[in-house]
């Protein structure tokens, strides 16, 4: 009798497990069915900015990691200019930084700028000291890139004060965007970007803005990572979740714009007026969002990376909805 009872219980457990598995399978199929995929555009440019406020590097293919885009040894916003006491220096304070090119080749960093000799030094310098830096009031680390890089920056910027170049390495203490922008998830980490790991903008939005200005502007001025074509102006505002190649992106918030947009990426000259004033005339947030964006006009969208993978120019962008 005991043996019979045990057999019945075993049969019941097996049957229950089978029903549960079937239910999970049906539930998964239902969820998959409920996910709607709509083509919204095409990737026309992928831009990596290895040096914060430095020149963009246009690439045909990039790895999209949790902390942003990567191409070879170049990682987006992983190098930073700081003062001697570790405070960040950007194009807001030194507009000519936008003309500085930082690239990587064969394990070497290549630093270039107008009327400057190219400087090369190793990407990895484990014997250099790690500096504590301040980026928008948050603490973060960076590996000092040496005296030669420091002297190069001082000569280029023509300043009496000293500057250092630092490099963020994967094992270092990163920043949490949520500390400055509560809309970001608690687990998100970034190196030296202003806020999030990926910024996306459409060509049509830039064209719309240019139509309202005396002089056209280019996407470079707004420093996006992913540029989308074949869509309407500001269509990106409504893309909450995107699939591009093997990458899944989640929109977090709009990108509030500041005085840095008034730096011309071709000349390194700041005018402190346009296109910021024109953006303020028609791209301010809703009254209900003023506690988030204040008086900053909105242009482009900040995303987190839900699924990492490869991005390529020419990839179709799909909006995901449920």
Protein backbone atom coordinates (compact mmCIF):
# COMPACT_ATOMS: atom_id res chain seq x y z
CA UNK A 1 0.00 0.00 0.00
CA UNK A 2 2.85 2.38 0.93
CA UNK A 3 4.54 1.65 -2.39
CA UNK A 4 1.27 2.32 -4.22
CA UNK A 5 0.82 5.62 -2.37
CA UNK A 6 4.36 6.70 -3.23
CA UNK A 7 3.79 5.87 -6.89
CA UNK A 8 0.60 7.95 -6.96
CA UNK A 9 2.35 10.93 -5.33
CA UNK A 10 5.22 10.68 -7.79
CA UNK A 11 2.77 10.55 -10.70
CA UNK A 12 0.93 13.59 -9.36
CA UNK A 13 4.20 15.54 -8.97
CA UNK A 14 5.32 14.65 -12.48
CA UNK A 15 1.91 15.65 -13.84
CA UNK A 16 2.00 18.97 -11.95
CA UNK A 17 5.52 19.69 -13.24
CA UNK A 18 4.37 18.95 -16.78
CA UNK A 19 1.39 21.28 -16.48
CA UNK A 20 3.63 24.03 -15.01
CA UNK A 21 6.12 23.65 -17.86
CA UNK A 22 3.29 23.77 -20.40
CA UNK A 23 1.92 26.89 -18.71
CA UNK A 24 5.32 28.58 -18.80
CA UNK A 25 5.74 27.67 -22.44
CA UNK A 26 2.32 29.04 -23.36
CA UNK A 27 2.97 32.15 -21.26
CA UNK A 28 6.28 32.75 -23.05
CA UNK A 29 4.61 32.27 -26.43
CA UNK A 30 1.88 34.69 -25.40
CA UNK A 31 4.40 37.30 -24.30
CA UNK A 32 6.35 36.83 -27.53
CA UNK A 33 3.13 37.25 -29.49
CA UNK A 34 2.22 40.38 -27.55
CA UNK A 35 5.51 42.08 -28.46
CA UNK A 36 5.00 44.35 -31.48
CA UNK A 37 7.96 45.25 -33.67
CA UNK A 38 7.76 48.29 -35.95
CA UNK A 39 10.50 49.59 -38.24
CA UNK A 40 11.25 53.22 -37.35
CA UNK A 41 14.51 54.10 -39.09
CA UNK A 42 18.05 53.17 -40.10
CA UNK A 43 21.39 53.75 -38.37
CA UNK A 44 23.26 56.33 -40.48
CA UNK A 45 26.15 57.06 -38.10
CA UNK A 46 27.84 55.52 -35.07
CA UNK A 47 29.95 57.99 -33.12
CA UNK A 48 32.42 57.20 -30.36
CA UNK A 49 33.79 60.06 -28.25
CA UNK A 50 36.84 58.55 -26.51
CA UNK A 51 37.80 61.87 -24.91
CA UNK A 52 35.05 63.70 -23.07
CA UNK A 53 34.40 66.92 -25.07
CA UNK A 54 36.87 65.75 -27.72
CA UNK A 55 36.32 65.05 -31.41
CA UNK A 56 33.95 62.26 -32.39
CA UNK A 57 35.28 59.16 -34.14
CA UNK A 58 32.88 57.84 -36.79
CA UNK A 59 32.89 54.04 -37.03
CA UNK A 60 31.05 51.55 -39.24
CA UNK A 61 30.70 48.96 -36.48
CA UNK A 62 30.75 49.16 -32.68
CA UNK A 63 30.20 46.97 -29.67
CA UNK A 64 27.40 48.28 -27.50
CA UNK A 65 28.23 47.50 -23.88
CA UNK A 66 26.41 48.41 -20.66
CA UNK A 67 28.64 51.47 -20.27
CA UNK A 68 28.33 52.59 -23.91
CA UNK A 69 29.92 52.15 -27.33
CA UNK A 70 33.32 50.53 -27.90
CA UNK A 71 35.42 50.24 -31.05
CA UNK A 72 38.71 48.41 -30.65
CA UNK A 73 40.43 49.99 -27.65
CA UNK A 74 38.35 53.16 -27.91
CA UNK A 75 35.54 53.35 -25.39
CA UNK A 76 33.05 56.20 -25.33
CA UNK A 77 33.91 58.93 -22.77
CA UNK A 78 36.64 56.89 -21.08
CA UNK A 79 39.31 59.62 -21.17
CA UNK A 80 38.92 62.89 -19.32
CA UNK A 81 40.83 66.15 -18.83
CA UNK A 82 41.01 67.22 -15.21
CA UNK A 83 42.57 70.02 -13.18
CA UNK A 84 45.41 69.24 -10.77
CA UNK A 85 42.90 68.72 -7.97
CA UNK A 86 40.88 66.25 -10.08
CA UNK A 87 37.91 68.38 -11.21
CA UNK A 88 36.69 67.64 -14.74
CA UNK A 89 37.38 70.05 -17.59
CA UNK A 90 34.98 70.04 -20.57
CA UNK A 91 34.20 72.12 -23.65
CA UNK A 92 32.07 74.36 -21.46
CA UNK A 93 35.22 75.73 -19.83
CA UNK A 94 37.69 75.03 -22.66
CA UNK A 95 35.80 75.12 -25.99
CA UNK A 96 38.90 74.21 -28.04
CA UNK A 97 38.79 70.71 -26.56
CA UNK A 98 36.24 69.85 -29.29
CA UNK A 99 39.12 69.99 -31.82
CA UNK A 100 41.25 67.44 -29.93
CA UNK A 101 41.27 63.96 -31.44
CA UNK A 102 42.01 60.94 -29.24
CA UNK A 103 42.22 57.61 -31.05
CA UNK A 104 43.82 54.24 -30.30
CA UNK A 105 46.08 52.22 -32.57
CA UNK A 106 48.11 49.12 -31.75
CA UNK A 107 47.91 49.58 -28.00
CA UNK A 108 48.84 53.26 -28.26
CA UNK A 109 46.78 56.38 -27.61
CA UNK A 110 47.18 58.99 -30.36
CA UNK A 111 46.50 62.57 -29.28
CA UNK A 112 46.14 65.21 -32.02
CA UNK A 113 45.09 68.85 -32.22
CA UNK A 114 45.44 71.89 -34.52
CA UNK A 115 49.08 73.07 -34.79
CA UNK A 116 50.22 70.35 -32.39
CA UNK A 117 52.57 67.43 -32.91
CA UNK A 118 50.95 64.05 -32.42
CA UNK A 119 51.58 62.52 -29.02
CA UNK A 120 51.58 58.74 -28.53
CA UNK A 121 51.59 56.79 -25.28
CA UNK A 122 50.42 53.32 -24.16
CA UNK A 123 46.72 52.73 -23.53
CA UNK A 124 47.61 50.61 -20.50
CA UNK A 125 49.96 52.18 -17.97
CA UNK A 126 49.52 50.07 -14.82
CA UNK A 127 52.39 51.79 -12.97
CA UNK A 128 50.77 55.24 -13.23
CA UNK A 129 48.86 56.53 -10.19
CA UNK A 130 45.07 56.40 -9.96
CA UNK A 131 43.51 59.83 -9.38
CA UNK A 132 40.25 60.59 -7.60
CA UNK A 133 38.17 62.78 -9.95
CA UNK A 134 35.00 64.83 -9.62
CA UNK A 135 32.45 64.66 -12.44
CA UNK A 136 29.28 66.69 -11.85
CA UNK A 137 29.81 66.43 -8.11
CA UNK A 138 30.24 62.64 -8.17
CA UNK A 139 33.44 60.78 -7.27
CA UNK A 140 35.09 58.57 -9.87
CA UNK A 141 38.58 57.28 -10.56
CA UNK A 142 40.97 57.68 -13.46
CA UNK A 143 44.48 56.44 -14.31
CA UNK A 144 46.87 59.36 -14.85
CA UNK A 145 48.26 59.30 -18.41
CA UNK A 146 51.59 60.92 -17.54
CA UNK A 147 53.46 64.21 -17.68
CA UNK A 148 53.86 64.26 -21.48
CA UNK A 149 50.10 64.18 -21.97
CA UNK A 150 49.72 66.86 -19.29
CA UNK A 151 52.29 69.16 -20.97
CA UNK A 152 50.66 68.56 -24.37
CA UNK A 153 47.28 69.73 -23.03
CA UNK A 154 48.79 72.77 -21.29
CA UNK A 155 50.55 73.83 -24.51
CA UNK A 156 47.43 73.26 -26.60
CA UNK A 157 45.01 75.08 -24.31
CA UNK A 158 47.51 77.86 -23.62
CA UNK A 159 46.51 78.05 -19.99
CA UNK A 160 48.57 78.96 -16.97
CA UNK A 161 46.92 76.26 -14.86
CA UNK A 162 47.94 72.62 -15.12
CA UNK A 163 45.82 69.89 -16.67
CA UNK A 164 46.03 66.10 -16.45
CA UNK A 165 44.62 63.44 -18.75
CA UNK A 166 43.06 60.42 -17.03
CA UNK A 167 41.75 57.09 -18.34
CA UNK A 168 38.89 55.08 -16.85
CA UNK A 169 39.60 51.34 -16.61
CA UNK A 170 36.97 48.58 -16.22
CA UNK A 171 37.99 47.62 -12.67
CA UNK A 172 37.64 51.20 -11.37
CA UNK A 173 34.85 52.67 -9.27
CA UNK A 174 32.26 54.02 -11.72
CA UNK A 175 29.53 56.64 -11.36
CA UNK A 176 25.84 55.97 -10.75
CA UNK A 177 23.63 58.16 -13.01
CA UNK A 178 20.76 57.81 -10.53
CA UNK A 179 22.64 60.07 -8.10
CA UNK A 180 22.04 63.05 -10.41
CA UNK A 181 19.05 61.77 -12.43
CA UNK A 182 16.57 59.70 -10.37
CA UNK A 183 14.92 58.34 -13.54
CA UNK A 184 17.93 56.07 -14.13
CA UNK A 185 17.90 52.54 -12.69
CA UNK A 186 19.85 51.99 -9.47
CA UNK A 187 22.16 49.41 -11.04
CA UNK A 188 23.37 51.60 -13.95
CA UNK A 189 27.06 52.58 -14.01
CA UNK A 190 28.94 54.93 -16.38
CA UNK A 191 32.44 56.33 -16.81
CA UNK A 192 32.67 60.03 -17.81
CA UNK A 193 29.47 60.80 -19.81
CA UNK A 194 27.27 63.62 -18.52
CA UNK A 195 24.50 61.16 -17.61
CA UNK A 196 23.71 57.97 -19.52
CA UNK A 197 25.68 55.44 -21.58
CA UNK A 198 23.98 55.95 -24.98
CA UNK A 199 22.54 59.07 -26.60
CA UNK A 200 20.43 58.72 -29.76
CA UNK A 201 19.38 61.47 -32.17
CA UNK A 202 17.74 61.55 -35.60
CA UNK A 203 19.01 63.37 -38.68
CA UNK A 204 15.52 64.78 -39.22
CA UNK A 205 15.56 66.52 -35.81
CA UNK A 206 18.85 68.22 -36.65
CA UNK A 207 17.48 69.24 -40.06
CA UNK A 208 14.35 70.66 -38.40
CA UNK A 209 16.49 72.76 -36.07
CA UNK A 210 18.73 73.95 -38.94
CA UNK A 211 15.65 75.18 -40.83
CA UNK A 212 15.07 77.66 -37.99
CA UNK A 213 18.67 78.95 -37.85
CA UNK A 214 20.66 81.36 -40.01
CA UNK A 215 23.44 78.77 -40.28
CA UNK A 216 22.96 75.01 -40.47
CA UNK A 217 24.20 72.80 -37.66
CA UNK A 218 25.41 69.20 -37.88
CA UNK A 219 24.86 66.21 -35.58
CA UNK A 220 28.44 66.57 -34.29
CA UNK A 221 27.40 69.59 -32.27
CA UNK A 222 25.06 67.44 -30.16
CA UNK A 223 27.49 64.57 -29.60
CA UNK A 224 25.17 61.55 -30.07
CA UNK A 225 26.35 57.94 -30.20
CA UNK A 226 23.68 56.64 -32.57
CA UNK A 227 22.26 58.72 -35.43
CA UNK A 228 19.05 57.53 -37.09
CA UNK A 229 17.86 58.40 -40.61
CA UNK A 230 14.67 57.64 -42.53
CA UNK A 231 12.28 58.95 -39.87
CA UNK A 232 10.40 62.15 -39.04
CA UNK A 233 11.79 64.92 -36.85
CA UNK A 234 11.60 64.09 -33.13
CA UNK A 235 10.16 60.64 -33.82
CA UNK A 236 12.85 59.36 -31.42
CA UNK A 237 10.99 61.04 -28.53
CA UNK A 238 8.40 58.24 -28.62
CA UNK A 239 10.71 55.22 -28.98
CA UNK A 240 10.62 53.74 -25.49
CA UNK A 241 12.35 50.50 -26.42
CA UNK A 242 14.47 49.78 -29.49
CA UNK A 243 16.00 46.75 -31.16
CA UNK A 244 18.98 47.55 -33.40
CA UNK A 245 20.95 44.56 -34.63
CA UNK A 246 21.49 42.36 -31.58
CA UNK A 247 21.23 45.35 -29.22
CA UNK A 248 18.17 46.20 -27.10
CA UNK A 249 17.96 49.80 -25.83
CA UNK A 250 15.62 51.28 -23.24
CA UNK A 251 14.82 54.99 -23.30
CA UNK A 252 15.18 56.65 -19.90
CA UNK A 253 14.74 60.37 -20.54
CA UNK A 254 15.26 63.21 -23.01
CA UNK A 255 18.62 64.93 -23.23
CA UNK A 256 18.43 68.40 -21.68
CA UNK A 257 20.73 70.79 -23.54
CA UNK A 258 23.19 73.34 -22.15
CA UNK A 259 25.69 76.01 -23.20
CA UNK A 260 27.96 73.34 -24.73
CA UNK A 261 25.68 73.22 -27.80
CA UNK A 262 26.87 76.75 -28.64
CA UNK A 263 30.44 75.51 -29.27
CA UNK A 264 31.12 75.15 -33.00
CA UNK A 265 32.70 71.67 -33.53
CA UNK A 266 34.55 72.96 -36.61
CA UNK A 267 36.20 76.01 -35.00
CA UNK A 268 36.13 75.43 -31.25
CA UNK A 269 34.54 78.87 -30.76
CA UNK A 270 31.70 79.33 -28.27
CA UNK A 271 29.00 81.96 -29.01
CA UNK A 272 26.87 81.29 -25.88
CA UNK A 273 23.65 81.84 -27.83
CA UNK A 274 22.78 79.61 -30.79
CA UNK A 275 21.41 77.04 -31.34
CA UNK A 276 20.46 76.95 -27.66
CA UNK A 277 18.15 79.98 -27.79
CA UNK A 278 16.28 78.62 -30.80
CA UNK A 279 15.90 75.23 -29.14
CA UNK A 280 14.43 76.98 -26.09
CA UNK A 281 11.83 78.61 -28.33
CA UNK A 282 10.19 75.30 -29.24
CA UNK A 283 11.73 72.35 -27.40
CA UNK A 284 11.02 73.01 -23.73
CA UNK A 285 9.52 70.25 -21.58
CA UNK A 286 5.92 69.97 -20.41
CA UNK A 287 5.12 71.90 -17.21
CA UNK A 288 4.75 68.57 -15.39
CA UNK A 289 8.40 67.71 -16.21
CA UNK A 290 10.00 70.97 -15.09
CA UNK A 291 11.27 69.33 -11.92
CA UNK A 292 13.36 67.05 -14.18
CA UNK A 293 14.55 69.31 -16.99
CA UNK A 294 14.06 72.81 -15.54
CA UNK A 295 14.67 75.33 -18.37
CA UNK A 296 16.84 73.07 -20.56
CA UNK A 297 15.50 72.42 -24.07
CA UNK A 298 15.20 68.76 -25.06
CA UNK A 299 17.09 67.35 -28.02
CA UNK A 300 17.92 63.65 -28.39
CA UNK A 301 17.19 60.71 -26.10
CA UNK A 302 19.23 58.97 -23.41
CA UNK A 303 19.11 55.17 -23.32
CA UNK A 304 20.36 52.33 -21.18
CA UNK A 305 21.51 49.04 -22.71
CA UNK A 306 19.16 46.12 -21.91
CA UNK A 307 20.95 43.66 -24.20
CA UNK A 308 24.53 44.15 -25.36
CA UNK A 309 25.71 43.30 -28.86
CA UNK A 310 26.99 44.67 -32.16
CA UNK A 311 25.75 47.80 -33.93
CA UNK A 312 26.48 48.59 -37.57
CA UNK A 313 25.80 51.51 -39.86
CA UNK A 314 22.87 50.41 -42.03
CA UNK A 315 21.15 48.45 -39.26
CA UNK A 316 17.38 48.86 -39.17
CA UNK A 317 15.98 50.29 -35.92
CA UNK A 318 12.78 48.69 -34.63
CA UNK A 319 10.47 50.12 -31.99
CA UNK A 320 9.29 47.49 -29.51
CA UNK A 321 5.87 47.80 -27.90
CA UNK A 322 3.59 45.44 -26.02
